[in-house]
Amino acid sequence: MLLEAKKQFSFQTVKQLLLRFTNLINIQDMAKVNLKGNPLNTNDDLPQVGEKAPNFNLKKTDLSNTQLSDFAGSNIILNIFPSIDTATCAASVRQFNQRAASLQNTKVLCVSRDLPFAQKRFCGAEGIENVDTASDFATGDFGKNYGLELIDGPLAALHARAIVVIDSNGVVKYTELVPDIVDEPNYDAAIAAV
């Protein structure tokens, strides 16, 4: 029995080491961002312009689900960020709220891993009415599928700051992975891509 336990332990140890080594190799292929100049890695790259946008299933502030098909026939600007409770993230929601009022056939969806209650509280306190918020708190699948899950650093498991513009047919028209998470996205470029 002891011999069998040693074999199992050795196999598990080797398996864990191989997995860690594989993850280190894969980090070389991941997108890179910074947090105040300190490098971080995401789990993958953003979807490519011209390809179909990955589906998503997120929670709205009333805890109902929303998915990509809910926006069929409309352009979508996905404003993605780590947390609505940070200055830059809050500024991006305010800025898109202001600009979204003049956009035709376009919805702005602000996505983070914040709880829907925090998103609702923020929007209520700020008078945010022209954009919607959605949370990836339940599974984190949105961040993974869009290549935005931070895999290291103090914000690991949250989303990197990015913009993805999707046209009315569900095709990616524009992407921006903001180089440093503390910086705001290029609002003008996102709006111009609609």
N, C-alpha and C. Protein backbone atom coordinates (compact mmCIF):
# COMPACT_ATOMS: atom_id res chain seq x y z
N MET A 1 0.82 -1.19 0.00
CA MET A 1 0.00 0.00 0.00
C MET A 1 0.88 1.26 0.00
N LEU A 2 1.95 1.26 0.74
CA LEU A 2 2.86 2.39 0.79
C LEU A 2 3.52 2.60 -0.57
N LEU A 3 3.90 1.51 -1.22
CA LEU A 3 4.49 1.61 -2.54
C LEU A 3 3.50 2.23 -3.53
N GLU A 4 2.24 1.79 -3.45
CA GLU A 4 1.21 2.35 -4.33
C GLU A 4 1.02 3.85 -4.07
N ALA A 5 1.05 4.28 -2.82
CA ALA A 5 0.92 5.70 -2.47
C ALA A 5 2.09 6.49 -3.03
N LYS A 6 3.32 5.93 -2.96
CA LYS A 6 4.49 6.61 -3.50
C LYS A 6 4.37 6.77 -5.01
N LYS A 7 3.89 5.72 -5.69
CA LYS A 7 3.71 5.81 -7.14
C LYS A 7 2.69 6.89 -7.48
N GLN A 8 1.57 6.90 -6.75
CA GLN A 8 0.53 7.89 -6.99
C GLN A 8 1.06 9.31 -6.73
N PHE A 9 1.78 9.48 -5.63
CA PHE A 9 2.34 10.79 -5.30
C PHE A 9 3.31 11.23 -6.39
N SER A 10 4.15 10.32 -6.82
CA SER A 10 5.13 10.66 -7.85
C SER A 10 4.45 11.04 -9.15
N PHE A 11 3.42 10.29 -9.52
CA PHE A 11 2.69 10.58 -10.74
C PHE A 11 2.01 11.95 -10.63
N GLN A 12 1.35 12.21 -9.50
CA GLN A 12 0.69 13.50 -9.30
C GLN A 12 1.69 14.64 -9.31
N THR A 13 2.83 14.45 -8.69
CA THR A 13 3.87 15.49 -8.64
C THR A 13 4.37 15.80 -10.05
N VAL A 14 4.67 14.76 -10.81
CA VAL A 14 5.15 14.94 -12.18
C VAL A 14 4.07 15.62 -13.02
N LYS A 15 2.84 15.20 -12.85
CA LYS A 15 1.73 15.79 -13.60
C LYS A 15 1.59 17.28 -13.29
N GLN A 16 1.70 17.66 -12.01
CA GLN A 16 1.60 19.06 -11.62
C GLN A 16 2.76 19.87 -12.18
N LEU A 17 3.95 19.31 -12.14
CA LEU A 17 5.12 20.01 -12.69
C LEU A 17 4.99 20.22 -14.19
N LEU A 18 4.50 19.20 -14.90
CA LEU A 18 4.29 19.33 -16.34
C LEU A 18 3.25 20.40 -16.65
N LEU A 19 2.18 20.43 -15.86
CA LEU A 19 1.15 21.43 -16.06
C LEU A 19 1.69 22.84 -15.83
N ARG A 20 2.47 23.03 -14.79
CA ARG A 20 3.08 24.33 -14.53
C ARG A 20 4.02 24.74 -15.65
N PHE A 21 4.84 23.79 -16.13
CA PHE A 21 5.76 24.06 -17.22
C PHE A 21 5.00 24.45 -18.48
N THR A 22 3.93 23.72 -18.79
CA THR A 22 3.11 24.02 -19.95
C THR A 22 2.50 25.41 -19.83
N ASN A 23 2.02 25.76 -18.65
CA ASN A 23 1.46 27.10 -18.44
C ASN A 23 2.51 28.18 -18.65
N LEU A 24 3.73 27.94 -18.21
CA LEU A 24 4.80 28.91 -18.41
C LEU A 24 5.11 29.10 -19.89
N ILE A 25 5.11 28.01 -20.63
CA ILE A 25 5.34 28.10 -22.08
C ILE A 25 4.20 28.85 -22.74
N ASN A 26 2.96 28.54 -22.35
CA ASN A 26 1.80 29.18 -22.95
C ASN A 26 1.74 30.67 -22.65
N ILE A 27 2.30 31.11 -21.53
CA ILE A 27 2.31 32.53 -21.21
C ILE A 27 3.03 33.32 -22.29
N GLN A 28 3.98 32.71 -22.96
CA GLN A 28 4.71 33.39 -24.03
C GLN A 28 3.78 33.77 -25.17
N ASP A 29 2.67 33.03 -25.34
CA ASP A 29 1.75 33.26 -26.45
C ASP A 29 0.57 34.15 -26.06
N MET A 30 0.46 34.55 -24.81
CA MET A 30 -0.69 35.32 -24.35
C MET A 30 -0.48 36.80 -24.61
N ALA A 31 -1.61 37.51 -24.62
CA ALA A 31 -1.55 38.96 -24.75
C ALA A 31 -0.95 39.55 -23.47
N LYS A 32 -0.26 40.64 -23.63
CA LYS A 32 0.41 41.29 -22.50
C LYS A 32 -0.24 42.65 -22.25
N VAL A 33 -0.43 42.97 -20.99
CA VAL A 33 -0.89 44.29 -20.57
C VAL A 33 -0.05 44.69 -19.37
N ASN A 34 -0.26 45.90 -18.90
CA ASN A 34 0.45 46.38 -17.72
C ASN A 34 -0.53 46.91 -16.69
N LEU A 35 -0.08 46.90 -15.46
CA LEU A 35 -0.78 47.55 -14.37
C LEU A 35 0.22 48.52 -13.74
N LYS A 36 0.05 49.80 -14.05
CA LYS A 36 0.99 50.83 -13.60
C LYS A 36 2.42 50.48 -14.00
N GLY A 37 2.57 49.99 -15.24
CA GLY A 37 3.88 49.66 -15.78
C GLY A 37 4.36 48.26 -15.47
N ASN A 38 3.68 47.54 -14.59
CA ASN A 38 4.08 46.17 -14.25
C ASN A 38 3.39 45.19 -15.18
N PRO A 39 4.15 44.32 -15.85
CA PRO A 39 3.57 43.43 -16.86
C PRO A 39 2.64 42.36 -16.26
N LEU A 40 1.54 42.12 -17.00
CA LEU A 40 0.57 41.07 -16.68
C LEU A 40 0.25 40.32 -17.97
N ASN A 41 -0.31 39.15 -17.83
CA ASN A 41 -0.69 38.34 -18.98
C ASN A 41 -2.17 38.04 -18.94
N THR A 42 -2.77 37.97 -20.13
CA THR A 42 -4.15 37.51 -20.24
C THR A 42 -4.13 36.05 -20.68
N ASN A 43 -5.28 35.41 -20.61
CA ASN A 43 -5.34 34.00 -20.96
C ASN A 43 -5.27 33.73 -22.46
N ASP A 44 -5.47 34.76 -23.29
CA ASP A 44 -5.46 34.56 -24.74
C ASP A 44 -5.44 35.92 -25.42
N ASP A 45 -5.74 35.94 -26.70
CA ASP A 45 -5.85 37.19 -27.45
C ASP A 45 -7.32 37.54 -27.64
N LEU A 46 -7.59 38.81 -27.89
CA LEU A 46 -8.94 39.25 -28.23
C LEU A 46 -9.41 38.56 -29.51
N PRO A 47 -10.72 38.45 -29.70
CA PRO A 47 -11.21 37.94 -30.99
C PRO A 47 -10.68 38.81 -32.13
N GLN A 48 -10.50 38.23 -33.27
CA GLN A 48 -9.95 38.94 -34.43
C GLN A 48 -11.05 39.72 -35.16
N VAL A 49 -10.69 40.89 -35.66
CA VAL A 49 -11.60 41.68 -36.47
C VAL A 49 -11.98 40.84 -37.69
N GLY A 50 -13.27 40.81 -38.00
CA GLY A 50 -13.77 40.07 -39.14
C GLY A 50 -14.34 38.70 -38.79
N GLU A 51 -14.08 38.20 -37.60
CA GLU A 51 -14.64 36.91 -37.21
C GLU A 51 -15.89 37.10 -36.38
N LYS A 52 -16.67 36.03 -36.28
CA LYS A 52 -17.88 36.06 -35.45
C LYS A 52 -17.48 36.25 -34.00
N ALA A 53 -18.21 37.09 -33.31
CA ALA A 53 -17.94 37.33 -31.89
C ALA A 53 -18.34 36.10 -31.09
N PRO A 54 -17.54 35.72 -30.10
CA PRO A 54 -17.93 34.59 -29.25
C PRO A 54 -19.21 34.92 -28.50
N ASN A 55 -20.05 33.92 -28.34
CA ASN A 55 -21.27 34.10 -27.56
C ASN A 55 -20.90 34.37 -26.12
N PHE A 56 -21.80 34.95 -25.37
CA PHE A 56 -21.59 35.14 -23.95
C PHE A 56 -22.90 34.98 -23.20
N ASN A 57 -22.79 34.71 -21.93
CA ASN A 57 -23.94 34.60 -21.05
C ASN A 57 -23.56 35.32 -19.75
N LEU A 58 -24.13 36.49 -19.58
CA LEU A 58 -23.79 37.35 -18.45
C LEU A 58 -25.02 37.64 -17.61
N LYS A 59 -24.81 38.14 -16.41
CA LYS A 59 -25.91 38.50 -15.51
C LYS A 59 -26.14 40.01 -15.55
N LYS A 60 -27.40 40.38 -15.75
CA LYS A 60 -27.78 41.79 -15.69
C LYS A 60 -28.00 42.17 -14.22
N THR A 61 -28.27 43.44 -13.98
CA THR A 61 -28.41 43.90 -12.59
C THR A 61 -29.63 43.31 -11.89
N ASP A 62 -30.61 42.83 -12.65
CA ASP A 62 -31.77 42.17 -12.03
C ASP A 62 -31.57 40.66 -11.91
N LEU A 63 -30.34 40.20 -12.16
CA LEU A 63 -29.91 38.79 -12.10
C LEU A 63 -30.47 37.92 -13.22
N SER A 64 -31.11 38.53 -14.21
CA SER A 64 -31.50 37.77 -15.39
C SER A 64 -30.27 37.63 -16.29
N ASN A 65 -30.37 36.73 -17.24
CA ASN A 65 -29.25 36.49 -18.15
C ASN A 65 -29.35 37.36 -19.39
N THR A 66 -28.22 37.69 -19.94
CA THR A 66 -28.16 38.35 -21.24
C THR A 66 -27.06 37.67 -22.05
N GLN A 67 -27.32 37.55 -23.34
CA GLN A 67 -26.35 36.90 -24.21
C GLN A 67 -26.25 37.67 -25.52
N LEU A 68 -25.29 37.29 -26.32
CA LEU A 68 -25.02 38.00 -27.57
C LEU A 68 -26.28 38.08 -28.44
N SER A 69 -27.04 37.01 -28.52
CA SER A 69 -28.22 36.99 -29.39
C SER A 69 -29.28 38.02 -28.97
N ASP A 70 -29.25 38.47 -27.73
CA ASP A 70 -30.18 39.51 -27.28
C ASP A 70 -29.95 40.83 -28.02
N PHE A 71 -28.79 40.99 -28.62
CA PHE A 71 -28.43 42.23 -29.30
C PHE A 71 -28.48 42.10 -30.82
N ALA A 72 -29.04 41.00 -31.32
CA ALA A 72 -29.11 40.78 -32.77
C ALA A 72 -29.79 41.97 -33.45
N GLY A 73 -29.19 42.42 -34.53
CA GLY A 73 -29.74 43.55 -35.27
C GLY A 73 -29.22 44.90 -34.80
N SER A 74 -28.47 44.93 -33.69
CA SER A 74 -27.89 46.16 -33.17
C SER A 74 -26.37 46.04 -33.14
N ASN A 75 -25.71 47.17 -33.29
CA ASN A 75 -24.28 47.20 -33.04
C ASN A 75 -24.09 47.17 -31.53
N ILE A 76 -22.97 46.61 -31.09
CA ILE A 76 -22.67 46.57 -29.65
C ILE A 76 -21.26 47.07 -29.43
N ILE A 77 -21.11 47.93 -28.45
CA ILE A 77 -19.79 48.30 -27.97
C ILE A 77 -19.65 47.64 -26.61
N LEU A 78 -18.71 46.71 -26.49
CA LEU A 78 -18.41 46.08 -25.20
C LEU A 78 -17.30 46.88 -24.54
N ASN A 79 -17.63 47.50 -23.43
CA ASN A 79 -16.66 48.24 -22.61
C ASN A 79 -16.30 47.31 -21.46
N ILE A 80 -15.12 46.73 -21.50
CA ILE A 80 -14.74 45.67 -20.56
C ILE A 80 -13.65 46.19 -19.64
N PHE A 81 -13.77 45.87 -18.35
CA PHE A 81 -12.83 46.42 -17.37
C PHE A 81 -12.79 45.56 -16.12
N PRO A 82 -11.78 45.79 -15.24
CA PRO A 82 -11.64 44.97 -14.02
C PRO A 82 -12.75 45.18 -12.99
N SER A 83 -13.03 46.43 -12.62
CA SER A 83 -14.01 46.68 -11.55
C SER A 83 -14.58 48.08 -11.65
N ILE A 84 -15.87 48.17 -11.55
CA ILE A 84 -16.55 49.46 -11.61
C ILE A 84 -16.18 50.36 -10.43
N ASP A 85 -15.61 49.78 -9.39
CA ASP A 85 -15.23 50.54 -8.20
C ASP A 85 -13.83 51.13 -8.27
N THR A 86 -13.29 51.25 -9.47
CA THR A 86 -12.00 51.94 -9.63
C THR A 86 -12.23 53.18 -10.49
N ALA A 87 -11.37 54.15 -10.33
CA ALA A 87 -11.56 55.46 -10.99
C ALA A 87 -11.62 55.36 -12.51
N THR A 88 -10.70 54.62 -13.12
CA THR A 88 -10.67 54.55 -14.57
C THR A 88 -11.86 53.79 -15.12
N CYS A 89 -12.24 52.71 -14.46
CA CYS A 89 -13.40 51.93 -14.90
C CYS A 89 -14.66 52.77 -14.82
N ALA A 90 -14.83 53.48 -13.72
CA ALA A 90 -15.99 54.35 -13.54
C ALA A 90 -16.01 55.44 -14.60
N ALA A 91 -14.84 56.01 -14.90
CA ALA A 91 -14.75 57.06 -15.91
C ALA A 91 -15.17 56.53 -17.28
N SER A 92 -14.81 55.29 -17.60
CA SER A 92 -15.18 54.74 -18.91
C SER A 92 -16.69 54.53 -19.00
N VAL A 93 -17.32 54.12 -17.93
CA VAL A 93 -18.77 53.95 -17.94
C VAL A 93 -19.44 55.32 -18.12
N ARG A 94 -18.97 56.31 -17.39
CA ARG A 94 -19.53 57.67 -17.52
C ARG A 94 -19.36 58.20 -18.95
N GLN A 95 -18.17 58.02 -19.50
CA GLN A 95 -17.88 58.53 -20.84
C GLN A 95 -18.76 57.86 -21.90
N PHE A 96 -18.87 56.54 -21.83
CA PHE A 96 -19.73 55.85 -22.80
C PHE A 96 -21.20 56.19 -22.57
N ASN A 97 -21.61 56.40 -21.34
CA ASN A 97 -22.98 56.80 -21.05
C ASN A 97 -23.29 58.12 -21.76
N GLN A 98 -22.36 59.05 -21.69
CA GLN A 98 -22.54 60.35 -22.33
C GLN A 98 -22.60 60.21 -23.85
N ARG A 99 -21.70 59.43 -24.42
CA ARG A 99 -21.61 59.31 -25.88
C ARG A 99 -22.69 58.41 -26.46
N ALA A 100 -23.16 57.44 -25.69
CA ALA A 100 -24.13 56.47 -26.21
C ALA A 100 -25.46 57.11 -26.57
N ALA A 101 -25.79 58.22 -25.94
CA ALA A 101 -27.07 58.88 -26.19
C ALA A 101 -27.23 59.29 -27.65
N SER A 102 -26.11 59.55 -28.33
CA SER A 102 -26.18 60.01 -29.72
C SER A 102 -25.96 58.88 -30.74
N LEU A 103 -25.76 57.67 -30.30
CA LEU A 103 -25.48 56.57 -31.22
C LEU A 103 -26.78 55.92 -31.68
N GLN A 104 -26.88 55.69 -32.98
CA GLN A 104 -28.07 55.05 -33.52
C GLN A 104 -27.83 53.56 -33.69
N ASN A 105 -28.85 52.77 -33.37
CA ASN A 105 -28.81 51.31 -33.51
C ASN A 105 -27.58 50.69 -32.84
N THR A 106 -27.17 51.27 -31.72
CA THR A 106 -25.98 50.80 -31.02
C THR A 106 -26.25 50.73 -29.52
N LYS A 107 -25.88 49.63 -28.93
CA LYS A 107 -25.97 49.44 -27.48
C LYS A 107 -24.56 49.40 -26.92
N VAL A 108 -24.38 49.95 -25.74
CA VAL A 108 -23.11 49.86 -25.03
C VAL A 108 -23.33 48.95 -23.83
N LEU A 109 -22.52 47.91 -23.73
CA LEU A 109 -22.61 46.97 -22.63
C LEU A 109 -21.29 47.02 -21.86
N CYS A 110 -21.36 47.42 -20.61
CA CYS A 110 -20.18 47.52 -19.75
C CYS A 110 -20.07 46.23 -18.96
N VAL A 111 -18.94 45.53 -19.12
CA VAL A 111 -18.79 44.18 -18.57
C VAL A 111 -17.62 44.11 -17.60
N SER A 112 -17.88 43.53 -16.43
CA SER A 112 -16.82 43.29 -15.44
C SER A 112 -17.21 42.06 -14.63
N ARG A 113 -16.36 41.70 -13.68
CA ARG A 113 -16.67 40.58 -12.79
C ARG A 113 -17.29 41.07 -11.49
N ASP A 114 -17.61 42.37 -11.42
CA ASP A 114 -18.30 42.90 -10.25
C ASP A 114 -19.64 42.19 -10.06
N LEU A 115 -20.11 42.14 -8.83
CA LEU A 115 -21.45 41.62 -8.61
C LEU A 115 -22.46 42.56 -9.27
N PRO A 116 -23.56 42.04 -9.78
CA PRO A 116 -24.58 42.89 -10.39
C PRO A 116 -25.09 43.97 -9.44
N PHE A 117 -25.09 43.69 -8.14
CA PHE A 117 -25.55 44.68 -7.16
C PHE A 117 -24.64 45.89 -7.13
N ALA A 118 -23.34 45.68 -7.26
CA ALA A 118 -22.38 46.79 -7.28
C ALA A 118 -22.57 47.61 -8.55
N GLN A 119 -22.78 46.94 -9.68
CA GLN A 119 -23.01 47.65 -10.93
C GLN A 119 -24.28 48.50 -10.84
N LYS A 120 -25.34 47.92 -10.28
CA LYS A 120 -26.61 48.64 -10.14
C LYS A 120 -26.47 49.84 -9.21
N ARG A 121 -25.77 49.65 -8.10
CA ARG A 121 -25.55 50.74 -7.14
C ARG A 121 -24.81 51.89 -7.81
N PHE A 122 -23.74 51.57 -8.54
CA PHE A 122 -22.96 52.60 -9.22
C PHE A 122 -23.82 53.36 -10.22
N CYS A 123 -24.51 52.64 -11.08
CA CYS A 123 -25.30 53.28 -12.13
C CYS A 123 -26.41 54.15 -11.53
N GLY A 124 -27.03 53.68 -10.46
CA GLY A 124 -28.06 54.47 -9.79
C GLY A 124 -27.50 55.74 -9.20
N ALA A 125 -26.37 55.64 -8.52
CA ALA A 125 -25.76 56.80 -7.88
C ALA A 125 -25.25 57.82 -8.90
N GLU A 126 -24.83 57.33 -10.07
CA GLU A 126 -24.25 58.20 -11.10
C GLU A 126 -25.27 58.67 -12.14
N GLY A 127 -26.49 58.16 -12.08
CA GLY A 127 -27.48 58.53 -13.09
C GLY A 127 -27.17 57.96 -14.46
N ILE A 128 -26.57 56.79 -14.50
CA ILE A 128 -26.20 56.14 -15.76
C ILE A 128 -27.46 55.51 -16.36
N GLU A 129 -27.85 55.99 -17.56
CA GLU A 129 -29.08 55.50 -18.18
C GLU A 129 -28.93 55.07 -19.63
N ASN A 130 -27.81 55.41 -20.27
CA ASN A 130 -27.65 55.14 -21.69
C ASN A 130 -26.81 53.92 -22.00
N VAL A 131 -26.26 53.28 -20.99
CA VAL A 131 -25.50 52.04 -21.18
C VAL A 131 -26.08 50.98 -20.25
N ASP A 132 -25.79 49.74 -20.58
CA ASP A 132 -26.18 48.63 -19.73
C ASP A 132 -24.92 48.02 -19.10
N THR A 133 -25.09 47.41 -17.95
CA THR A 133 -23.98 46.70 -17.34
C THR A 133 -24.33 45.22 -17.27
N ALA A 134 -23.30 44.40 -17.27
CA ALA A 134 -23.48 42.95 -17.16
C ALA A 134 -22.28 42.37 -16.44
N SER A 135 -22.54 41.35 -15.66
CA SER A 135 -21.50 40.76 -14.82
C SER A 135 -21.12 39.36 -15.28
N ASP A 136 -19.84 39.10 -15.21
CA ASP A 136 -19.26 37.79 -15.52
C ASP A 136 -18.86 37.07 -14.23
N PHE A 137 -19.50 37.45 -13.11
CA PHE A 137 -19.09 36.93 -11.81
C PHE A 137 -19.33 35.44 -11.66
N ALA A 138 -20.36 34.91 -12.29
CA ALA A 138 -20.77 33.53 -12.04
C ALA A 138 -19.75 32.50 -12.52
N THR A 139 -19.21 32.69 -13.72
CA THR A 139 -18.31 31.67 -14.27
C THR A 139 -16.97 32.23 -14.75
N GLY A 140 -16.94 33.49 -15.12
CA GLY A 140 -15.73 34.05 -15.72
C GLY A 140 -15.54 33.63 -17.16
N ASP A 141 -16.54 32.93 -17.74
CA ASP A 141 -16.40 32.42 -19.10
C ASP A 141 -16.27 33.53 -20.14
N PHE A 142 -16.94 34.66 -19.92
CA PHE A 142 -16.81 35.77 -20.87
C PHE A 142 -15.35 36.17 -20.99
N GLY A 143 -14.71 36.42 -19.85
CA GLY A 143 -13.30 36.83 -19.86
C GLY A 143 -12.41 35.81 -20.53
N LYS A 144 -12.67 34.55 -20.26
CA LYS A 144 -11.87 33.48 -20.89
C LYS A 144 -12.10 33.44 -22.40
N ASN A 145 -13.37 33.45 -22.82
CA ASN A 145 -13.70 33.33 -24.23
C ASN A 145 -13.27 34.54 -25.06
N TYR A 146 -13.19 35.69 -24.42
CA TYR A 146 -12.76 36.90 -25.13
C TYR A 146 -11.26 37.17 -24.93
N GLY A 147 -10.55 36.26 -24.26
CA GLY A 147 -9.10 36.38 -24.10
C GLY A 147 -8.69 37.48 -23.15
N LEU A 148 -9.53 37.81 -22.18
CA LEU A 148 -9.29 38.95 -21.31
C LEU A 148 -9.09 38.61 -19.85
N GLU A 149 -9.13 37.33 -19.51
CA GLU A 149 -8.92 36.97 -18.11
C GLU A 149 -7.44 37.19 -17.75
N LEU A 150 -7.21 37.99 -16.73
CA LEU A 150 -5.84 38.18 -16.25
C LEU A 150 -5.41 36.91 -15.52
N ILE A 151 -4.26 36.38 -15.88
CA ILE A 151 -3.85 35.10 -15.30
C ILE A 151 -2.74 35.23 -14.27
N ASP A 152 -2.28 36.46 -14.04
CA ASP A 152 -1.26 36.66 -13.01
C ASP A 152 -1.39 38.06 -12.44
N GLY A 153 -0.63 38.35 -11.42
CA GLY A 153 -0.64 39.67 -10.81
C GLY A 153 -1.77 39.86 -9.81
N PRO A 154 -1.86 41.04 -9.22
CA PRO A 154 -2.84 41.29 -8.16
C PRO A 154 -4.29 41.28 -8.64
N LEU A 155 -4.52 41.41 -9.94
CA LEU A 155 -5.89 41.40 -10.48
C LEU A 155 -6.23 40.08 -11.15
N ALA A 156 -5.47 39.03 -10.88
CA ALA A 156 -5.70 37.73 -11.50
C ALA A 156 -7.17 37.32 -11.34
N ALA A 157 -7.73 36.80 -12.43
CA ALA A 157 -9.12 36.34 -12.56
C ALA A 157 -10.08 37.46 -12.93
N LEU A 158 -9.65 38.73 -12.85
CA LEU A 158 -10.48 39.83 -13.34
C LEU A 158 -10.20 40.03 -14.82
N HIS A 159 -10.91 40.97 -15.45
CA HIS A 159 -10.73 41.23 -16.87
C HIS A 159 -9.73 42.36 -17.11
N ALA A 160 -8.97 42.23 -18.17
CA ALA A 160 -8.15 43.34 -18.64
C ALA A 160 -9.08 44.39 -19.24
N ARG A 161 -8.60 45.61 -19.36
CA ARG A 161 -9.42 46.68 -19.94
C ARG A 161 -9.36 46.57 -21.46
N ALA A 162 -10.53 46.53 -22.07
CA ALA A 162 -10.60 46.36 -23.53
C ALA A 162 -11.91 46.90 -24.07
N ILE A 163 -11.92 47.11 -25.37
CA ILE A 163 -13.12 47.47 -26.11
C ILE A 163 -13.26 46.48 -27.26
N VAL A 164 -14.47 45.98 -27.45
CA VAL A 164 -14.78 45.14 -28.59
C VAL A 164 -16.06 45.71 -29.21
N VAL A 165 -16.00 46.05 -30.49
CA VAL A 165 -17.18 46.54 -31.21
C VAL A 165 -17.65 45.41 -32.12
N ILE A 166 -18.93 45.10 -32.01
CA ILE A 166 -19.55 44.02 -32.77
C ILE A 166 -20.67 44.62 -33.61
N ASP A 167 -20.70 44.27 -34.89
CA ASP A 167 -21.75 44.85 -35.75
C ASP A 167 -23.07 44.13 -35.58
N SER A 168 -24.08 44.58 -36.31
CA SER A 168 -25.44 44.05 -36.16
C SER A 168 -25.57 42.60 -36.61
N ASN A 169 -24.56 42.08 -37.29
CA ASN A 169 -24.56 40.67 -37.71
C ASN A 169 -23.71 39.79 -36.79
N GLY A 170 -23.21 40.35 -35.70
CA GLY A 170 -22.41 39.57 -34.76
C GLY A 170 -20.96 39.42 -35.14
N VAL A 171 -20.46 40.27 -36.03
CA VAL A 171 -19.07 40.20 -36.49
C VAL A 171 -18.25 41.28 -35.77
N VAL A 172 -17.06 40.90 -35.33
CA VAL A 172 -16.16 41.84 -34.64
C VAL A 172 -15.65 42.87 -35.65
N LYS A 173 -15.86 44.15 -35.34
CA LYS A 173 -15.45 45.25 -36.22
C LYS A 173 -14.21 45.97 -35.72
N TYR A 174 -13.98 45.93 -34.40
CA TYR A 174 -12.88 46.70 -33.81
C TYR A 174 -12.56 46.11 -32.45
N THR A 175 -11.28 46.10 -32.11
CA THR A 175 -10.87 45.70 -30.76
C THR A 175 -9.74 46.61 -30.28
N GLU A 176 -9.70 46.78 -28.98
CA GLU A 176 -8.59 47.49 -28.35
C GLU A 176 -8.32 46.84 -27.01
N LEU A 177 -7.12 46.35 -26.83
CA LEU A 177 -6.65 45.90 -25.52
C LEU A 177 -5.81 47.06 -25.00
N VAL A 178 -6.31 47.74 -23.98
CA VAL A 178 -5.63 48.93 -23.47
C VAL A 178 -4.29 48.50 -22.87
N PRO A 179 -3.18 49.09 -23.32
CA PRO A 179 -1.85 48.64 -22.90
C PRO A 179 -1.61 48.67 -21.39
N ASP A 180 -2.10 49.70 -20.71
CA ASP A 180 -1.98 49.74 -19.26
C ASP A 180 -3.37 49.88 -18.67
N ILE A 181 -3.71 49.00 -17.77
CA ILE A 181 -5.06 48.91 -17.21
C ILE A 181 -5.51 50.22 -16.56
N VAL A 182 -4.58 51.04 -16.10
CA VAL A 182 -4.97 52.30 -15.46
C VAL A 182 -5.34 53.38 -16.47
N ASP A 183 -5.12 53.13 -17.77
CA ASP A 183 -5.44 54.11 -18.80
C ASP A 183 -6.85 53.88 -19.35
N GLU A 184 -7.45 54.94 -19.85
CA GLU A 184 -8.78 54.84 -20.47
C GLU A 184 -8.63 54.35 -21.91
N PRO A 185 -9.70 53.74 -22.42
CA PRO A 185 -9.66 53.27 -23.82
C PRO A 185 -9.78 54.46 -24.79
N ASN A 186 -9.60 54.17 -26.06
CA ASN A 186 -9.74 55.18 -27.10
C ASN A 186 -11.22 55.26 -27.51
N TYR A 187 -11.94 56.15 -26.85
CA TYR A 187 -13.38 56.28 -27.07
C TYR A 187 -13.69 56.65 -28.52
N ASP A 188 -12.93 57.58 -29.08
CA ASP A 188 -13.19 58.04 -30.44
C ASP A 188 -13.06 56.90 -31.45
N ALA A 189 -12.04 56.07 -31.30
CA ALA A 189 -11.84 54.96 -32.23
C ALA A 189 -12.98 53.94 -32.11
N ALA A 190 -13.42 53.69 -30.90
CA ALA A 190 -14.53 52.74 -30.69
C ALA A 190 -15.81 53.26 -31.34
N ILE A 191 -16.11 54.52 -31.12
CA ILE A 191 -17.33 55.12 -31.71
C ILE A 191 -17.22 55.14 -33.23
N ALA A 192 -16.06 55.46 -33.77
CA ALA A 192 -15.86 55.52 -35.21
C ALA A 192 -16.04 54.15 -35.86
N ALA A 193 -15.79 53.08 -35.12
CA ALA A 193 -15.90 51.72 -35.67
C ALA A 193 -17.33 51.25 -35.82
N VAL A 194 -18.27 51.95 -35.20
CA VAL A 194 -19.68 51.53 -35.25
C VAL A 194 -20.25 51.78 -36.63
